């Protein structure tokens, strides 16, 4: 069982991902923005963080950069639907800045859990 944090400003999306994670046998924590997420990372020994990119307060790119600097052992998955404009694809930038994997919204349970299991089983 892994400890996984889901950071997403949309409660429905966050809860859906958390339910998928829990059904797969993992412990799941939730945060609605990067600031709250990083506070949880400081308090809980986590294995993986799934973070949305476009959020108020502290957005996902900033969160990924800080996670990689301060908590390099934690695996990071970036998710994004592209926001309202959909003019810029943030996921390649997230990978360049340290996300171990990316997933475009909407996604299905098999895609998410496949990435999660792959990252959890990967070495260092």
PDB file of N, CA and C in Angstrom:
ATOM      1  N   UNK A   1       0.841  -1.188   0.000  1.00  0.00           N
ATOM      2  CA  UNK A   1       0.000   0.000   0.000  1.00  0.00           C
ATOM      3  C   UNK A   1       0.878   1.241   0.000  1.00  0.00           C
ATOM      4  N   UNK A   2       0.586   2.131  -0.922  1.00  0.00           N
ATOM      5  CA  UNK A   2       1.315   3.393  -1.016  1.00  0.00           C
ATOM      6  C   UNK A   2       0.466   4.519  -0.431  1.00  0.00           C
ATOM      7  N   UNK A   3       1.147   5.609  -0.112  1.00  0.00           N
ATOM      8  CA  UNK A   3       0.469   6.829   0.352  1.00  0.00           C
ATOM      9  C   UNK A   3       0.538   7.838  -0.777  1.00  0.00           C
ATOM     10  N   UNK A   4      -0.629   8.254  -1.251  1.00  0.00           N
ATOM     11  CA  UNK A   4      -0.725   9.093  -2.447  1.00  0.00           C
ATOM     12  C   UNK A   4      -1.529  10.341  -2.133  1.00  0.00           C
ATOM     13  N   UNK A   5      -1.037  11.475  -2.608  1.00  0.00           N
ATOM     14  CA  UNK A   5      -1.717  12.754  -2.460  1.00  0.00           C
ATOM     15  C   UNK A   5      -2.272  13.181  -3.810  1.00  0.00           C
ATOM     16  N   UNK A   6      -3.534  13.604  -3.818  1.00  0.00           N
ATOM     17  CA  UNK A   6      -4.180  14.140  -5.008  1.00  0.00           C
ATOM     18  C   UNK A   6      -4.417  15.626  -4.779  1.00  0.00           C
ATOM     19  N   UNK A   7      -3.855  16.461  -5.658  1.00  0.00           N
ATOM     20  CA  UNK A   7      -4.036  17.909  -5.576  1.00  0.00           C
ATOM     21  C   UNK A   7      -4.825  18.348  -6.805  1.00  0.00           C
ATOM     22  N   UNK A   8      -6.035  18.852  -6.585  1.00  0.00           N
ATOM     23  CA  UNK A   8      -6.870  19.346  -7.679  1.00  0.00           C
ATOM     24  C   UNK A   8      -7.890  20.299  -7.084  1.00  0.00           C
ATOM     25  N   UNK A   9      -8.110  21.430  -7.741  1.00  0.00           N
ATOM     26  CA  UNK A   9      -9.030  22.432  -7.215  1.00  0.00           C
ATOM     27  C   UNK A   9     -10.501  22.083  -7.467  1.00  0.00           C
ATOM     28  N   UNK A  10     -10.767  21.105  -8.302  1.00  0.00           N
ATOM     29  CA  UNK A  10     -12.145  20.696  -8.573  1.00  0.00           C
ATOM     30  C   UNK A  10     -12.508  19.522  -7.659  1.00  0.00           C
ATOM     31  N   UNK A  11     -13.389  19.749  -6.684  1.00  0.00           N
ATOM     32  CA  UNK A  11     -13.711  18.704  -5.711  1.00  0.00           C
ATOM     33  C   UNK A  11     -14.157  17.385  -6.349  1.00  0.00           C
ATOM     34  N   UNK A  12     -14.981  17.446  -7.371  1.00  0.00           N
ATOM     35  CA  UNK A  12     -15.465  16.225  -8.009  1.00  0.00           C
ATOM     36  C   UNK A  12     -14.350  15.407  -8.632  1.00  0.00           C
ATOM     37  N   UNK A  13     -13.427  16.082  -9.293  1.00  0.00           N
ATOM     38  CA  UNK A  13     -12.285  15.398  -9.911  1.00  0.00           C
ATOM     39  C   UNK A  13     -11.389  14.808  -8.825  1.00  0.00           C
ATOM     40  N   UNK A  14     -11.095  15.606  -7.815  1.00  0.00           N
ATOM     41  CA  UNK A  14     -10.234  15.165  -6.712  1.00  0.00           C
ATOM     42  C   UNK A  14     -10.824  13.934  -6.017  1.00  0.00           C
ATOM     43  N   UNK A  15     -12.115  13.970  -5.740  1.00  0.00           N
ATOM     44  CA  UNK A  15     -12.774  12.861  -5.054  1.00  0.00           C
ATOM     45  C   UNK A  15     -12.813  11.612  -5.933  1.00  0.00           C
ATOM     46  N   UNK A  16     -13.036  11.780  -7.232  1.00  0.00           N
ATOM     47  CA  UNK A  16     -13.063  10.644  -8.149  1.00  0.00           C
ATOM     48  C   UNK A  16     -11.696   9.954  -8.196  1.00  0.00           C
ATOM     49  N   UNK A  17     -10.631  10.751  -8.295  1.00  0.00           N
ATOM     50  CA  UNK A  17      -9.285  10.179  -8.322  1.00  0.00           C
ATOM     51  C   UNK A  17      -8.983   9.491  -6.998  1.00  0.00           C
ATOM     52  N   UNK A  18      -9.346  10.128  -5.897  1.00  0.00           N
ATOM     53  CA  UNK A  18      -9.110   9.536  -4.576  1.00  0.00           C
ATOM     54  C   UNK A  18      -9.817   8.194  -4.450  1.00  0.00           C
ATOM     55  N   UNK A  19     -11.037   8.113  -4.943  1.00  0.00           N
ATOM     56  CA  UNK A  19     -11.783   6.857  -4.874  1.00  0.00           C
ATOM     57  C   UNK A  19     -11.081   5.769  -5.698  1.00  0.00           C
ATOM     58  N   UNK A  20     -10.588   6.123  -6.880  1.00  0.00           N
ATOM     59  CA  UNK A  20      -9.853   5.157  -7.707  1.00  0.00           C
ATOM     60  C   UNK A  20      -8.616   4.642  -6.974  1.00  0.00           C
ATOM     61  N   UNK A  21      -7.890   5.566  -6.357  1.00  0.00           N
ATOM     62  CA  UNK A  21      -6.660   5.232  -5.635  1.00  0.00           C
ATOM     63  C   UNK A  21      -6.971   4.304  -4.450  1.00  0.00           C
ATOM     64  N   UNK A  22      -8.010   4.640  -3.705  1.00  0.00           N
ATOM     65  CA  UNK A  22      -8.383   3.834  -2.535  1.00  0.00           C
ATOM     66  C   UNK A  22      -8.857   2.450  -2.946  1.00  0.00           C
ATOM     67  N   UNK A  23      -9.625   2.362  -4.021  1.00  0.00           N
ATOM     68  CA  UNK A  23     -10.102   1.059  -4.503  1.00  0.00           C
ATOM     69  C   UNK A  23      -8.944   0.172  -4.963  1.00  0.00           C
ATOM     70  N   UNK A  24      -7.852   0.802  -5.364  1.00  0.00           N
ATOM     71  CA  UNK A  24      -6.668   0.041  -5.778  1.00  0.00           C
ATOM     72  C   UNK A  24      -5.823  -0.385  -4.572  1.00  0.00           C
ATOM     73  N   UNK A  25      -6.281  -0.020  -3.371  1.00  0.00           N
ATOM     74  CA  UNK A  25      -5.610  -0.476  -2.160  1.00  0.00           C
ATOM     75  C   UNK A  25      -4.604   0.486  -1.559  1.00  0.00           C
ATOM     76  N   UNK A  26      -4.622   1.725  -1.992  1.00  0.00           N
ATOM     77  CA  UNK A  26      -3.670   2.710  -1.484  1.00  0.00           C
ATOM     78  C   UNK A  26      -4.364   3.684  -0.533  1.00  0.00           C
ATOM     79  N   UNK A  27      -3.562   4.292   0.316  1.00  0.00           N
ATOM     80  CA  UNK A  27      -4.067   5.349   1.194  1.00  0.00           C
ATOM     81  C   UNK A  27      -4.001   6.655   0.422  1.00  0.00           C
ATOM     82  N   UNK A  28      -5.069   7.439   0.490  1.00  0.00           N
ATOM     83  CA  UNK A  28      -5.116   8.660  -0.314  1.00  0.00           C
ATOM     84  C   UNK A  28      -5.389   9.884   0.553  1.00  0.00           C
ATOM     85  N   UNK A  29      -4.682  10.965   0.240  1.00  0.00           N
ATOM     86  CA  UNK A  29      -4.857  12.258   0.883  1.00  0.00           C
ATOM     87  C   UNK A  29      -5.269  13.241  -0.205  1.00  0.00           C
ATOM     88  N   UNK A  30      -5.961  14.306   0.179  1.00  0.00           N
ATOM     89  CA  UNK A  30      -6.448  15.270  -0.802  1.00  0.00           C
ATOM     90  C   UNK A  30      -6.103  16.699  -0.397  1.00  0.00           C
ATOM     91  N   UNK A  31      -5.845  17.525  -1.429  1.00  0.00           N
ATOM     92  CA  UNK A  31      -5.621  18.962  -1.216  1.00  0.00           C
ATOM     93  C   UNK A  31      -6.200  19.707  -2.406  1.00  0.00           C
ATOM     94  N   UNK A  32      -6.694  20.927  -2.159  1.00  0.00           N
ATOM     95  CA  UNK A  32      -7.340  21.675  -3.240  1.00  0.00           C
ATOM     96  C   UNK A  32      -6.421  22.642  -3.971  1.00  0.00           C
ATOM     97  N   UNK A  33      -5.188  22.787  -3.498  1.00  0.00           N
ATOM     98  CA  UNK A  33      -4.216  23.626  -4.215  1.00  0.00           C
ATOM     99  C   UNK A  33      -2.801  23.230  -3.790  1.00  0.00           C
ATOM    100  N   UNK A  34      -1.828  23.773  -4.497  1.00  0.00           N
ATOM    101  CA  UNK A  34      -0.438  23.417  -4.239  1.00  0.00           C
ATOM    102  C   UNK A  34       0.040  23.786  -2.849  1.00  0.00           C
ATOM    103  N   UNK A  35      -0.401  24.910  -2.323  1.00  0.00           N
ATOM    104  CA  UNK A  35       0.022  25.307  -0.972  1.00  0.00           C
ATOM    105  C   UNK A  35      -0.425  24.276   0.065  1.00  0.00           C
ATOM    106  N   UNK A  36      -1.683  23.904   0.006  1.00  0.00           N
ATOM    107  CA  UNK A  36      -2.203  22.906   0.953  1.00  0.00           C
ATOM    108  C   UNK A  36      -1.533  21.554   0.717  1.00  0.00           C
ATOM    109  N   UNK A  37      -1.305  21.231  -0.544  1.00  0.00           N
ATOM    110  CA  UNK A  37      -0.644  19.971  -0.874  1.00  0.00           C
ATOM    111  C   UNK A  37       0.755  19.893  -0.297  1.00  0.00           C
ATOM    112  N   UNK A  38       1.520  20.950  -0.455  1.00  0.00           N
ATOM    113  CA  UNK A  38       2.887  20.956   0.064  1.00  0.00           C
ATOM    114  C   UNK A  38       2.916  20.868   1.591  1.00  0.00           C
ATOM    115  N   UNK A  39       1.927  21.471   2.263  1.00  0.00           N
ATOM    116  CA  UNK A  39       1.844  21.337   3.721  1.00  0.00           C
ATOM    117  C   UNK A  39       1.617  19.881   4.112  1.00  0.00           C
ATOM    118  N   UNK A  40       0.766  19.197   3.347  1.00  0.00           N
ATOM    119  CA  UNK A  40       0.537  17.777   3.625  1.00  0.00           C
ATOM    120  C   UNK A  40       1.796  16.951   3.383  1.00  0.00           C
ATOM    121  N   UNK A  41       2.536  17.283   2.340  1.00  0.00           N
ATOM    122  CA  UNK A  41       3.776  16.559   2.038  1.00  0.00           C
ATOM    123  C   UNK A  41       4.759  16.693   3.196  1.00  0.00           C
ATOM    124  N   UNK A  42       4.775  17.851   3.841  1.00  0.00           N
ATOM    125  CA  UNK A  42       5.652  18.068   4.990  1.00  0.00           C
ATOM    126  C   UNK A  42       5.227  17.229   6.193  1.00  0.00           C
ATOM    127  N   UNK A  43       3.938  16.915   6.300  1.00  0.00           N
ATOM    128  CA  UNK A  43       3.402  16.228   7.469  1.00  0.00           C
ATOM    129  C   UNK A  43       3.300  14.716   7.308  1.00  0.00           C
ATOM    130  N   UNK A  44       3.144  14.252   6.080  1.00  0.00           N
ATOM    131  CA  UNK A  44       2.877  12.831   5.829  1.00  0.00           C
ATOM    132  C   UNK A  44       3.971  12.268   4.926  1.00  0.00           C
ATOM    133  N   UNK A  45       4.435  11.087   5.231  1.00  0.00           N
ATOM    134  CA  UNK A  45       5.429  10.419   4.401  1.00  0.00           C
ATOM    135  C   UNK A  45       4.717   9.844   3.170  1.00  0.00           C
ATOM    136  N   UNK A  46       4.835  10.531   2.029  1.00  0.00           N
ATOM    137  CA  UNK A  46       4.115  10.148   0.817  1.00  0.00           C
ATOM    138  C   UNK A  46       5.034   9.454  -0.180  1.00  0.00           C
ATOM    139  N   UNK A  47       4.415   8.629  -1.026  1.00  0.00           N
ATOM    140  CA  UNK A  47       5.138   7.943  -2.088  1.00  0.00           C
ATOM    141  C   UNK A  47       4.945   8.619  -3.445  1.00  0.00           C
ATOM    142  N   UNK A  48       3.770   9.220  -3.636  1.00  0.00           N
ATOM    143  CA  UNK A  48       3.439   9.754  -4.945  1.00  0.00           C
ATOM    144  C   UNK A  48       2.472  10.918  -4.802  1.00  0.00           C
ATOM    145  N   UNK A  49       2.607  11.909  -5.687  1.00  0.00           N
ATOM    146  CA  UNK A  49       1.688  13.044  -5.736  1.00  0.00           C
ATOM    147  C   UNK A  49       1.122  13.138  -7.145  1.00  0.00           C
ATOM    148  N   UNK A  50      -0.195  13.255  -7.220  1.00  0.00           N
ATOM    149  CA  UNK A  50      -0.886  13.519  -8.486  1.00  0.00           C
ATOM    150  C   UNK A  50      -1.377  14.946  -8.391  1.00  0.00           C
ATOM    151  N   UNK A  51      -0.895  15.822  -9.283  1.00  0.00           N
ATOM    152  CA  UNK A  51      -1.289  17.225  -9.199  1.00  0.00           C
ATOM    153  C   UNK A  51      -1.834  17.752 -10.516  1.00  0.00           C
ATOM    154  N   UNK A  52      -2.910  18.505 -10.384  1.00  0.00           N
ATOM    155  CA  UNK A  52      -3.451  19.244 -11.518  1.00  0.00           C
ATOM    156  C   UNK A  52      -2.472  20.378 -11.821  1.00  0.00           C
ATOM    157  N   UNK A  53      -2.548  20.916 -13.015  1.00  0.00           N
ATOM    158  CA  UNK A  53      -1.662  22.014 -13.388  1.00  0.00           C
ATOM    159  C   UNK A  53      -2.307  23.368 -13.125  1.00  0.00           C
ATOM    160  N   UNK A  54      -3.506  23.585 -13.617  1.00  0.00           N
ATOM    161  CA  UNK A  54      -4.152  24.890 -13.511  1.00  0.00           C
ATOM    162  C   UNK A  54      -5.032  24.941 -12.262  1.00  0.00           C
ATOM    163  N   UNK A  55      -4.535  25.682 -11.234  1.00  0.00           N
ATOM    164  CA  UNK A  55      -5.239  25.817  -9.964  1.00  0.00           C
ATOM    165  C   UNK A  55      -4.981  27.204  -9.398  1.00  0.00           C
ATOM    166  N   UNK A  56      -5.892  27.677  -8.545  1.00  0.00           N
ATOM    167  CA  UNK A  56      -5.623  28.941  -7.840  1.00  0.00           C
ATOM    168  C   UNK A  56      -4.581  28.713  -6.741  1.00  0.00           C
ATOM    169  N   UNK A  57      -4.197  29.781  -6.091  1.00  0.00           N
ATOM    170  CA  UNK A  57      -3.195  29.751  -5.017  1.00  0.00           C
ATOM    171  C   UNK A  57      -1.830  29.382  -5.580  1.00  0.00           C
ATOM    172  N   UNK A  58      -1.440  28.124  -5.479  1.00  0.00           N
ATOM    173  CA  UNK A  58      -0.176  27.666  -6.062  1.00  0.00           C
ATOM    174  C   UNK A  58      -0.534  26.645  -7.124  1.00  0.00           C
ATOM    175  N   UNK A  59      -0.207  26.964  -8.374  1.00  0.00           N
ATOM    176  CA  UNK A  59      -0.574  26.065  -9.472  1.00  0.00           C
ATOM    177  C   UNK A  59       0.386  24.890  -9.571  1.00  0.00           C
ATOM    178  N   UNK A  60       0.082  23.964 -10.458  1.00  0.00           N
ATOM    179  CA  UNK A  60       0.798  22.706 -10.521  1.00  0.00           C
ATOM    180  C   UNK A  60       2.256  22.782 -10.919  1.00  0.00           C
ATOM    181  N   UNK A  61       2.599  23.658 -11.860  1.00  0.00           N
ATOM    182  CA  UNK A  61       4.000  23.759 -12.288  1.00  0.00           C
ATOM    183  C   UNK A  61       4.875  24.182 -11.109  1.00  0.00           C
ATOM    184  N   UNK A  62       4.434  25.204 -10.376  1.00  0.00           N
ATOM    185  CA  UNK A  62       5.186  25.646  -9.185  1.00  0.00           C
ATOM    186  C   UNK A  62       5.271  24.523  -8.154  1.00  0.00           C
ATOM    187  N   UNK A  63       4.194  23.802  -7.990  1.00  0.00           N
ATOM    188  CA  UNK A  63       4.150  22.704  -7.034  1.00  0.00           C
ATOM    189  C   UNK A  63       5.142  21.610  -7.418  1.00  0.00           C
ATOM    190  N   UNK A  64       5.177  21.264  -8.700  1.00  0.00           N
ATOM    191  CA  UNK A  64       6.110  20.240  -9.183  1.00  0.00           C
ATOM    192  C   UNK A  64       7.550  20.668  -8.936  1.00  0.00           C
ATOM    193  N   UNK A  65       7.873  21.903  -9.258  1.00  0.00           N
ATOM    194  CA  UNK A  65       9.240  22.407  -9.059  1.00  0.00           C
ATOM    195  C   UNK A  65       9.630  22.302  -7.585  1.00  0.00           C
ATOM    196  N   UNK A  66       8.728  22.717  -6.709  1.00  0.00           N
ATOM    197  CA  UNK A  66       9.039  22.668  -5.280  1.00  0.00           C
ATOM    198  C   UNK A  66       9.138  21.231  -4.771  1.00  0.00           C
ATOM    199  N   UNK A  67       8.253  20.359  -5.233  1.00  0.00           N
ATOM    200  CA  UNK A  67       8.329  18.952  -4.838  1.00  0.00           C
ATOM    201  C   UNK A  67       9.657  18.336  -5.242  1.00  0.00           C
ATOM    202  N   UNK A  68      10.094  18.585  -6.453  1.00  0.00           N
ATOM    203  CA  UNK A  68      11.333  17.989  -6.958  1.00  0.00           C
ATOM    204  C   UNK A  68      12.551  18.503  -6.186  1.00  0.00           C
ATOM    205  N   UNK A  69      12.511  19.775  -5.772  1.00  0.00           N
ATOM    206  CA  UNK A  69      13.628  20.344  -5.008  1.00  0.00           C
ATOM    207  C   UNK A  69      13.652  19.821  -3.580  1.00  0.00           C
ATOM    208  N   UNK A  70      12.512  19.846  -2.924  1.00  0.00           N
ATOM    209  CA  UNK A  70      12.451  19.548  -1.500  1.00  0.00           C
ATOM    210  C   UNK A  70      12.216  18.080  -1.165  1.00  0.00           C
ATOM    211  N   UNK A  71      11.563  17.361  -2.067  1.00  0.00           N
ATOM    212  CA  UNK A  71      11.194  15.966  -1.801  1.00  0.00           C
ATOM    213  C   UNK A  71      11.492  15.110  -3.038  1.00  0.00           C
ATOM    214  N   UNK A  72      12.757  14.968  -3.392  1.00  0.00           N
ATOM    215  CA  UNK A  72      13.106  14.310  -4.660  1.00  0.00           C
ATOM    216  C   UNK A  72      12.708  12.838  -4.757  1.00  0.00           C
ATOM    217  N   UNK A  73      12.460  12.176  -3.637  1.00  0.00           N
ATOM    218  CA  UNK A  73      12.094  10.754  -3.685  1.00  0.00           C
ATOM    219  C   UNK A  73      10.620  10.537  -4.058  1.00  0.00           C
ATOM    220  N   UNK A  74       9.806  11.564  -3.915  1.00  0.00           N
ATOM    221  CA  UNK A  74       8.378  11.426  -4.206  1.00  0.00           C
ATOM    222  C   UNK A  74       8.159  11.459  -5.717  1.00  0.00           C
ATOM    223  N   UNK A  75       7.436  10.484  -6.219  1.00  0.00           N
ATOM    224  CA  UNK A  75       7.065  10.440  -7.631  1.00  0.00           C
ATOM    225  C   UNK A  75       5.938  11.439  -7.876  1.00  0.00           C
ATOM    226  N   UNK A  76       5.925  12.054  -9.073  1.00  0.00           N
ATOM    227  CA  UNK A  76       4.937  13.089  -9.385  1.00  0.00           C
ATOM    228  C   UNK A  76       4.263  12.786 -10.716  1.00  0.00           C
ATOM    229  N   UNK A  77       2.933  12.850 -10.706  1.00  0.00           N
ATOM    230  CA  UNK A  77       2.129  12.731 -11.920  1.00  0.00           C
ATOM    231  C   UNK A  77       1.399  14.053 -12.110  1.00  0.00           C
ATOM    232  N   UNK A  78       1.551  14.657 -13.279  1.00  0.00           N
ATOM    233  CA  UNK A  78       0.842  15.892 -13.607  1.00  0.00           C
ATOM    234  C   UNK A  78      -0.375  15.551 -14.455  1.00  0.00           C
ATOM    235  N   UNK A  79      -1.515  16.171 -14.096  1.00  0.00           N
ATOM    236  CA  UNK A  79      -2.732  15.983 -14.881  1.00  0.00           C
ATOM    237  C   UNK A  79      -3.246  17.354 -15.312  1.00  0.00           C
ATOM    238  N   UNK A  80      -3.859  17.414 -16.485  1.00  0.00           N
ATOM    239  CA  UNK A  80      -4.400  18.689 -16.949  1.00  0.00           C
ATOM    240  C   UNK A  80      -5.421  18.466 -18.045  1.00  0.00           C
ATOM    241  N   UNK A  81      -6.447  19.300 -18.004  1.00  0.00           N
ATOM    242  CA  UNK A  81      -7.433  19.327 -19.077  1.00  0.00           C
ATOM    243  C   UNK A  81      -7.191  20.490 -20.005  1.00  0.00           C
ATOM    244  N   UNK A  82      -6.190  21.297 -19.703  1.00  0.00           N
ATOM    245  CA  UNK A  82      -5.834  22.402 -20.565  1.00  0.00           C
ATOM    246  C   UNK A  82      -6.460  23.731 -20.203  1.00  0.00           C
ATOM    247  N   UNK A  83      -7.386  23.737 -19.270  1.00  0.00           N
ATOM    248  CA  UNK A  83      -8.003  24.994 -18.857  1.00  0.00           C
ATOM    249  C   UNK A  83      -9.010  25.496 -19.863  1.00  0.00           C
ATOM    250  N   UNK A  84      -9.445  26.735 -19.679  1.00  0.00           N
ATOM    251  CA  UNK A  84     -10.466  27.310 -20.542  1.00  0.00           C
ATOM    252  C   UNK A  84      -9.954  27.605 -21.943  1.00  0.00           C
ATOM    253  N   UNK A  85      -8.723  28.038 -22.048  1.00  0.00           N
ATOM    254  CA  UNK A  85      -8.219  28.461 -23.358  1.00  0.00           C
ATOM    255  C   UNK A  85      -7.798  27.281 -24.228  1.00  0.00           C
ATOM    256  N   UNK A  86      -7.237  26.253 -23.620  1.00  0.00           N
ATOM    257  CA  UNK A  86      -6.732  25.080 -24.338  1.00  0.00           C
ATOM    258  C   UNK A  86      -5.751  25.466 -25.453  1.00  0.00           C
ATOM    259  N   UNK A  87      -5.170  26.642 -25.331  1.00  0.00           N
ATOM    260  CA  UNK A  87      -4.222  27.113 -26.350  1.00  0.00           C
ATOM    261  C   UNK A  87      -2.808  26.647 -26.068  1.00  0.00           C
ATOM    262  N   UNK A  88      -2.529  26.276 -24.828  1.00  0.00           N
ATOM    263  CA  UNK A  88      -1.181  25.883 -24.462  1.00  0.00           C
ATOM    264  C   UNK A  88      -1.232  24.533 -23.764  1.00  0.00           C
ATOM    265  N   UNK A  89      -0.373  23.635 -24.168  1.00  0.00           N
ATOM    266  CA  UNK A  89      -0.302  22.312 -23.559  1.00  0.00           C
ATOM    267  C   UNK A  89       0.743  22.348 -22.448  1.00  0.00           C
ATOM    268  N   UNK A  90       0.291  22.297 -21.203  1.00  0.00           N
ATOM    269  CA  UNK A  90       1.171  22.415 -20.046  1.00  0.00           C
ATOM    270  C   UNK A  90       1.888  21.119 -19.698  1.00  0.00           C
ATOM    271  N   UNK A  91       1.391  19.985 -20.187  1.00  0.00           N
ATOM    272  CA  UNK A  91       1.954  18.701 -19.764  1.00  0.00           C
ATOM    273  C   UNK A  91       3.411  18.488 -20.185  1.00  0.00           C
ATOM    274  N   UNK A  92       3.822  18.839 -21.411  1.00  0.00           N
ATOM    275  CA  UNK A  92       5.248  18.693 -21.737  1.00  0.00           C
ATOM    276  C   UNK A  92       6.140  19.548 -20.828  1.00  0.00           C
ATOM    277  N   UNK A  93       5.675  20.741 -20.466  1.00  0.00           N
ATOM    278  CA  UNK A  93       6.434  21.597 -19.559  1.00  0.00           C
ATOM    279  C   UNK A  93       6.545  20.936 -18.183  1.00  0.00           C
ATOM    280  N   UNK A  94       5.467  20.313 -17.746  1.00  0.00           N
ATOM    281  CA  UNK A  94       5.485  19.631 -16.448  1.00  0.00           C
ATOM    282  C   UNK A  94       6.532  18.516 -16.440  1.00  0.00           C
ATOM    283  N   UNK A  95       6.625  17.768 -17.530  1.00  0.00           N
ATOM    284  CA  UNK A  95       7.642  16.715 -17.613  1.00  0.00           C
ATOM    285  C   UNK A  95       9.051  17.290 -17.598  1.00  0.00           C
ATOM    286  N   UNK A  96       9.266  18.374 -18.324  1.00  0.00           N
ATOM    287  CA  UNK A  96      10.593  19.001 -18.353  1.00  0.00           C
ATOM    288  C   UNK A  96      10.999  19.511 -16.977  1.00  0.00           C
ATOM    289  N   UNK A  97      10.016  19.894 -16.182  1.00  0.00           N
ATOM    290  CA  UNK A  97      10.298  20.459 -14.864  1.00  0.00           C
ATOM    291  C   UNK A  97      10.265  19.430 -13.739  1.00  0.00           C
ATOM    292  N   UNK A  98      10.082  18.152 -14.091  1.00  0.00           N
ATOM    293  CA  UNK A  98      10.240  17.134 -13.068  1.00  0.00           C
ATOM    294  C   UNK A  98       9.132  16.132 -12.873  1.00  0.00           C
ATOM    295  N   UNK A  99       7.988  16.284 -13.541  1.00  0.00           N
ATOM    296  CA  UNK A  99       6.940  15.269 -13.404  1.00  0.00           C
ATOM    297  C   UNK A  99       7.434  13.957 -14.008  1.00  0.00           C
ATOM    298  N   UNK A 100       7.188  12.873 -13.315  1.00  0.00           N
ATOM    299  CA  UNK A 100       7.613  11.558 -13.801  1.00  0.00           C
ATOM    300  C   UNK A 100       6.682  11.025 -14.880  1.00  0.00           C
ATOM    301  N   UNK A 101       5.433  11.508 -14.872  1.00  0.00           N
ATOM    302  CA  UNK A 101       4.450  11.088 -15.868  1.00  0.00           C
ATOM    303  C   UNK A 101       3.380  12.173 -15.971  1.00  0.00           C
ATOM    304  N   UNK A 102       2.659  12.167 -17.098  1.00  0.00           N
ATOM    305  CA  UNK A 102       1.569  13.112 -17.291  1.00  0.00           C
ATOM    306  C   UNK A 102       0.349  12.359 -17.807  1.00  0.00           C
ATOM    307  N   UNK A 103      -0.812  12.966 -17.573  1.00  0.00           N
ATOM    308  CA  UNK A 103      -2.060  12.369 -18.010  1.00  0.00           C
ATOM    309  C   UNK A 103      -3.032  13.496 -18.345  1.00  0.00           C
ATOM    310  N   UNK A 104      -3.611  13.403 -19.537  1.00  0.00           N
ATOM    311  CA  UNK A 104      -4.545  14.426 -19.997  1.00  0.00           C
ATOM    312  C   UNK A 104      -5.967  14.091 -19.549  1.00  0.00           C
ATOM    313  N   UNK A 105      -6.653  15.082 -18.980  1.00  0.00           N
ATOM    314  CA  UNK A 105      -8.058  14.923 -18.602  1.00  0.00           C
ATOM    315  C   UNK A 105      -8.915  15.036 -19.863  1.00  0.00           C
ATOM    316  N   UNK A 106      -9.979  14.328 -19.978  1.00  0.00           N
ATOM    317  CA  UNK A 106     -10.425  13.273 -19.080  1.00  0.00           C
ATOM    318  C   UNK A 106      -9.642  11.987 -19.335  1.00  0.00           C
ATOM    319  N   UNK A 107      -9.489  11.190 -18.313  1.00  0.00           N
ATOM    320  CA  UNK A 107      -8.780   9.915 -18.430  1.00  0.00           C
ATOM    321  C   UNK A 107      -9.614   8.848 -17.742  1.00  0.00           C
ATOM    322  N   UNK A 108      -9.293   7.600 -18.022  1.00  0.00           N
ATOM    323  CA  UNK A 108     -10.037   6.521 -17.379  1.00  0.00           C
ATOM    324  C   UNK A 108      -9.216   5.911 -16.247  1.00  0.00           C
ATOM    325  N   UNK A 109      -9.880   5.102 -15.459  1.00  0.00           N
ATOM    326  CA  UNK A 109      -9.253   4.503 -14.286  1.00  0.00           C
ATOM    327  C   UNK A 109      -8.044   3.653 -14.657  1.00  0.00           C
ATOM    328  N   UNK A 110      -8.149   2.883 -15.734  1.00  0.00           N
ATOM    329  CA  UNK A 110      -7.041   2.006 -16.129  1.00  0.00           C
ATOM    330  C   UNK A 110      -5.792   2.810 -16.459  1.00  0.00           C
ATOM    331  N   UNK A 111      -5.953   3.940 -17.148  1.00  0.00           N
ATOM    332  CA  UNK A 111      -4.802   4.774 -17.505  1.00  0.00           C
ATOM    333  C   UNK A 111      -4.139   5.332 -16.257  1.00  0.00           C
ATOM    334  N   UNK A 112      -4.946   5.867 -15.344  1.00  0.00           N
ATOM    335  CA  UNK A 112      -4.393   6.439 -14.111  1.00  0.00           C
ATOM    336  C   UNK A 112      -3.692   5.377 -13.276  1.00  0.00           C
ATOM    337  N   UNK A 113      -4.369   4.270 -13.039  1.00  0.00           N
ATOM    338  CA  UNK A 113      -3.784   3.243 -12.178  1.00  0.00           C
ATOM    339  C   UNK A 113      -2.573   2.591 -12.820  1.00  0.00           C
ATOM    340  N   UNK A 114      -2.555   2.502 -14.139  1.00  0.00           N
ATOM    341  CA  UNK A 114      -1.368   1.972 -14.819  1.00  0.00           C
ATOM    342  C   UNK A 114      -0.151   2.841 -14.569  1.00  0.00           C
ATOM    343  N   UNK A 115      -0.326   4.148 -14.672  1.00  0.00           N
ATOM    344  CA  UNK A 115       0.777   5.079 -14.406  1.00  0.00           C
ATOM    345  C   UNK A 115       1.200   5.005 -12.940  1.00  0.00           C
ATOM    346  N   UNK A 116       0.224   5.010 -12.045  1.00  0.00           N
ATOM    347  CA  UNK A 116       0.525   4.959 -10.610  1.00  0.00           C
ATOM    348  C   UNK A 116       1.326   3.701 -10.277  1.00  0.00           C
ATOM    349  N   UNK A 117       0.853   2.557 -10.703  1.00  0.00           N
ATOM    350  CA  UNK A 117       1.537   1.295 -10.398  1.00  0.00           C
ATOM    351  C   UNK A 117       2.934   1.248 -11.022  1.00  0.00           C
ATOM    352  N   UNK A 118       3.053   1.759 -12.237  1.00  0.00           N
ATOM    353  CA  UNK A 118       4.357   1.794 -12.902  1.00  0.00           C
ATOM    354  C   UNK A 118       5.342   2.647 -12.107  1.00  0.00           C
ATOM    355  N   UNK A 119       4.923   3.811 -11.669  1.00  0.00           N
ATOM    356  CA  UNK A 119       5.812   4.703 -10.912  1.00  0.00           C
ATOM    357  C   UNK A 119       6.140   4.130  -9.538  1.00  0.00           C
ATOM    358  N   UNK A 120       5.173   3.501  -8.897  1.00  0.00           N
ATOM    359  CA  UNK A 120       5.426   2.933  -7.574  1.00  0.00           C
ATOM    360  C   UNK A 120       6.381   1.756  -7.635  1.00  0.00           C
ATOM    361  N   UNK A 121       6.368   1.042  -8.750  1.00  0.00           N
ATOM    362  CA  UNK A 121       7.247  -0.120  -8.865  1.00  0.00           C
ATOM    363  C   UNK A 121       8.631   0.238  -9.428  1.00  0.00           C
ATOM    364  N   UNK A 122       8.771   1.467  -9.942  1.00  0.00           N
ATOM    365  CA  UNK A 122      10.055   1.904 -10.503  1.00  0.00           C
ATOM    366  C   UNK A 122      11.044   2.178  -9.385  1.00  0.00           C
ATOM    367  N   UNK A 123      12.310   1.937  -9.665  1.00  0.00           N
ATOM    368  CA  UNK A 123      13.352   2.215  -8.680  1.00  0.00           C
ATOM    369  C   UNK A 123      13.685   3.688  -8.666  1.00  0.00           C
ATOM    370  N   UNK A 124      14.022   4.187  -7.448  1.00  0.00           N
ATOM    371  CA  UNK A 124      14.518   5.521  -7.188  1.00  0.00           C
ATOM    372  C   UNK A 124      14.206   6.501  -8.180  1.00  0.00           C
TER     373      UNK A 124
END
